[in-house]
Amino acid sequence: QVNVKAKTVELSTGEILSFEKLLIATGGHARRLRCEGHMLRNIYTLRVAEDAGRVHALIGTVTHVVIVGSSFIGMEVASVLKLRKVPNVLVVGMEQVPFERVLGKEVGTFLQHLAESKGVEFRMGATVKRFLGNGDVVTGVELVSGEILPADCVVLGVGIELSSSFVV
């Protein structure tokens, strides 16, 4: 617990620490898309090792994986899934080419062509409208364009949200 007036912090052990200045770094959590169907099973985010383990456990049981996000998380997941012989891996990105905002169009184009040469498909300049399901399990992703992408699994690599639940 933080006592701003006394400039102290009480730890869960009961120990009280004094401070002159206090920085509270609450971290973040993986962003989820809040569209229709977002709570279906087999829609994953990646933030910690356990998240990667859940996706890795699906290898060999899924044939269509849609990855939403075409920056570092999305492109790395696509690469690993193709290395692990997942038949259909498709990346959906808002930009015209992967990594466009962080590495530029030229590098993004090169990396997209490299991924395509390994069998990764792309839908760039695209936005997710909703997730489709059968019961409580994802079966597809509908884009704003109306295109429906089959999906046994969806991996979201769409950034982080700050953990702002700490209240003084």
Protein backbone atom coordinates (compact mmCIF):
# COMPACT_ATOMS: atom_id res chain seq x y z
CA GLN A 1 0.00 0.00 0.00
CA VAL A 2 1.26 3.49 -0.86
CA ASN A 3 0.95 6.40 1.56
CA VAL A 4 1.69 9.47 -0.55
CA LYS A 5 1.59 11.94 2.37
CA ALA A 6 4.00 9.91 4.52
CA LYS A 7 6.05 8.92 1.46
CA THR A 8 6.00 5.25 2.42
CA VAL A 9 5.15 1.95 0.81
CA GLU A 10 3.92 -1.00 2.86
CA LEU A 11 4.90 -4.34 1.31
CA SER A 12 2.77 -7.48 1.51
CA THR A 13 5.18 -8.71 4.21
CA GLY A 14 4.30 -5.74 6.42
CA GLU A 15 7.69 -4.06 5.90
CA ILE A 16 7.44 -0.30 5.40
CA LEU A 17 9.82 1.46 3.02
CA SER A 18 10.34 5.22 2.75
CA PHE A 19 10.80 7.03 -0.54
CA GLU A 20 11.61 10.48 -1.85
CA LYS A 21 10.23 9.74 -5.32
CA LEU A 22 8.23 6.72 -6.40
CA LEU A 23 7.90 5.24 -9.86
CA ILE A 24 5.11 2.73 -10.31
CA ALA A 25 5.77 0.54 -13.37
CA THR A 26 2.66 -1.59 -13.79
CA GLY A 27 3.64 -3.19 -17.10
CA GLY A 28 1.16 -4.28 -19.69
CA HIS A 29 -0.88 -7.13 -21.05
CA ALA A 30 -1.46 -8.36 -24.57
CA ARG A 31 -4.19 -6.45 -26.38
CA ARG A 32 -7.24 -8.41 -27.48
CA LEU A 33 -9.61 -7.40 -30.24
CA ARG A 34 -13.01 -6.56 -28.74
CA CYS A 35 -15.19 -7.57 -31.66
CA GLU A 36 -17.94 -10.15 -31.98
CA GLY A 37 -16.64 -13.61 -31.13
CA HIS A 38 -13.55 -12.43 -29.24
CA MET A 39 -14.20 -14.81 -26.33
CA LEU A 40 -14.20 -17.98 -28.45
CA ARG A 41 -11.71 -20.71 -27.56
CA ASN A 42 -8.50 -21.08 -29.61
CA ILE A 43 -7.95 -17.32 -29.86
CA TYR A 44 -4.58 -16.62 -28.26
CA THR A 45 -2.37 -13.72 -27.34
CA LEU A 46 1.36 -13.99 -26.67
CA ARG A 47 2.89 -12.20 -23.71
CA VAL A 48 4.61 -14.85 -21.57
CA ALA A 49 6.16 -18.28 -22.12
CA GLU A 50 2.98 -20.08 -21.06
CA ASP A 51 1.09 -18.34 -23.89
CA ALA A 52 3.62 -19.64 -26.41
CA GLY A 53 3.29 -23.12 -24.90
CA ARG A 54 -0.48 -23.10 -25.49
CA VAL A 55 0.01 -22.21 -29.16
CA HIS A 56 2.84 -24.71 -29.55
CA ALA A 57 0.65 -27.48 -28.11
CA LEU A 58 -1.77 -27.01 -31.03
CA ILE A 59 0.86 -27.82 -33.66
CA GLY A 60 -0.14 -31.05 -35.34
CA THR A 61 -3.81 -30.57 -34.47
CA VAL A 62 -4.57 -27.44 -36.53
CA THR A 63 -4.51 -26.91 -40.29
CA HIS A 64 -5.60 -23.26 -40.61
CA VAL A 65 -4.03 -20.59 -38.39
CA VAL A 66 -4.86 -16.92 -38.82
CA ILE A 67 -2.46 -14.46 -37.25
CA VAL A 68 -3.77 -10.95 -36.70
CA GLY A 69 -0.90 -8.47 -36.65
CA SER A 70 2.03 -8.17 -39.01
CA SER A 71 4.81 -6.91 -36.79
CA PHE A 72 7.25 -8.79 -34.57
CA ILE A 73 4.89 -11.19 -32.75
CA GLY A 74 2.75 -12.00 -35.77
CA MET A 75 5.62 -12.54 -38.18
CA GLU A 76 7.62 -14.63 -35.72
CA VAL A 77 4.61 -16.86 -35.02
CA ALA A 78 4.01 -17.27 -38.76
CA SER A 79 7.63 -18.27 -39.30
CA VAL A 80 7.63 -20.83 -36.48
CA LEU A 81 4.32 -22.36 -37.56
CA LYS A 82 5.56 -22.85 -41.11
CA LEU A 83 8.81 -24.39 -39.79
CA ARG A 84 6.62 -26.79 -37.79
CA LYS A 85 4.73 -27.71 -40.98
CA VAL A 86 1.35 -26.13 -40.18
CA PRO A 87 -0.28 -26.31 -43.65
CA ASN A 88 -2.13 -22.98 -43.82
CA VAL A 89 -0.75 -19.91 -42.07
CA LEU A 90 -2.23 -16.54 -42.95
CA VAL A 91 -1.25 -13.12 -41.58
CA VAL A 92 -3.77 -10.26 -41.47
CA GLY A 93 -2.27 -6.77 -41.22
CA MET A 94 -3.63 -3.22 -41.33
CA GLU A 95 -0.57 -1.82 -43.11
CA GLN A 96 0.28 -2.37 -46.78
CA VAL A 97 3.28 -4.58 -45.88
CA PRO A 98 4.46 -6.21 -42.63
CA PHE A 99 6.58 -4.07 -40.31
CA GLU A 100 5.73 -0.96 -42.36
CA ARG A 101 5.39 1.34 -39.33
CA VAL A 102 8.59 0.21 -37.61
CA LEU A 103 10.97 -0.83 -40.39
CA GLY A 104 9.55 0.89 -43.46
CA LYS A 105 7.93 -0.27 -46.67
CA GLU A 106 11.10 -1.55 -48.38
CA VAL A 107 12.15 -3.84 -45.52
CA GLY A 108 8.53 -4.89 -44.97
CA THR A 109 8.14 -5.86 -48.62
CA PHE A 110 11.34 -7.93 -48.50
CA LEU A 111 10.21 -9.74 -45.34
CA GLN A 112 6.74 -10.39 -46.76
CA HIS A 113 8.25 -11.95 -49.89
CA LEU A 114 10.56 -14.07 -47.74
CA ALA A 115 7.61 -15.34 -45.67
CA GLU A 116 5.56 -15.98 -48.81
CA SER A 117 8.41 -18.09 -50.19
CA LYS A 118 7.99 -20.30 -47.09
CA GLY A 119 4.23 -20.63 -47.65
CA VAL A 120 2.79 -17.87 -45.45
CA GLU A 121 -0.20 -16.08 -46.98
CA PHE A 122 -1.10 -12.44 -46.35
CA ARG A 123 -4.13 -10.17 -46.29
CA MET A 124 -2.65 -6.72 -45.94
CA GLY A 125 -4.56 -3.47 -45.66
CA ALA A 126 -7.22 -5.54 -43.88
CA THR A 127 -9.18 -5.27 -40.64
CA VAL A 128 -10.96 -7.96 -38.64
CA LYS A 129 -14.73 -7.49 -38.41
CA ARG A 130 -15.51 -10.51 -36.20
CA PHE A 131 -14.53 -14.02 -35.22
CA LEU A 132 -16.79 -16.87 -36.32
CA GLY A 133 -17.36 -19.98 -34.29
CA ASN A 134 -19.05 -23.31 -33.92
CA GLY A 135 -20.23 -23.58 -30.34
CA ASP A 136 -17.51 -21.93 -28.29
CA VAL A 137 -14.57 -22.65 -30.64
CA VAL A 138 -13.29 -20.31 -33.35
CA THR A 139 -13.78 -21.52 -36.92
CA GLY A 140 -13.01 -18.40 -38.91
CA VAL A 141 -12.20 -14.72 -39.15
CA GLU A 142 -14.40 -12.34 -41.10
CA LEU A 143 -12.66 -9.27 -42.47
CA VAL A 144 -14.34 -5.89 -42.94
CA SER A 145 -14.12 -6.59 -46.69
CA GLY A 146 -16.49 -9.55 -46.19
CA GLU A 147 -13.84 -12.19 -46.86
CA ILE A 148 -14.03 -15.14 -44.48
CA LEU A 149 -10.80 -16.88 -43.53
CA PRO A 150 -11.04 -20.42 -42.12
CA ALA A 151 -9.28 -20.78 -38.76
CA ASP A 152 -8.77 -23.62 -36.30
CA CYS A 153 -6.72 -21.17 -34.25
CA VAL A 154 -6.17 -17.41 -34.17
CA VAL A 155 -3.10 -15.72 -32.73
CA LEU A 156 -3.34 -12.01 -31.91
CA GLY A 157 -0.19 -9.91 -32.19
CA VAL A 158 -1.87 -6.53 -31.97
CA GLY A 159 0.18 -4.77 -29.31
CA ILE A 160 -0.12 -4.27 -25.59
CA GLU A 161 -2.37 -2.32 -23.27
CA LEU A 162 -0.95 -0.71 -20.18
CA SER A 163 -1.93 -2.28 -16.90
CA SER A 164 -3.50 0.73 -15.25
CA SER A 165 -5.49 -0.91 -12.46
CA PHE A 166 -3.13 0.41 -9.75
CA VAL A 167 -4.90 3.11 -7.77
CA VAL A 168 -3.22 5.24 -5.08
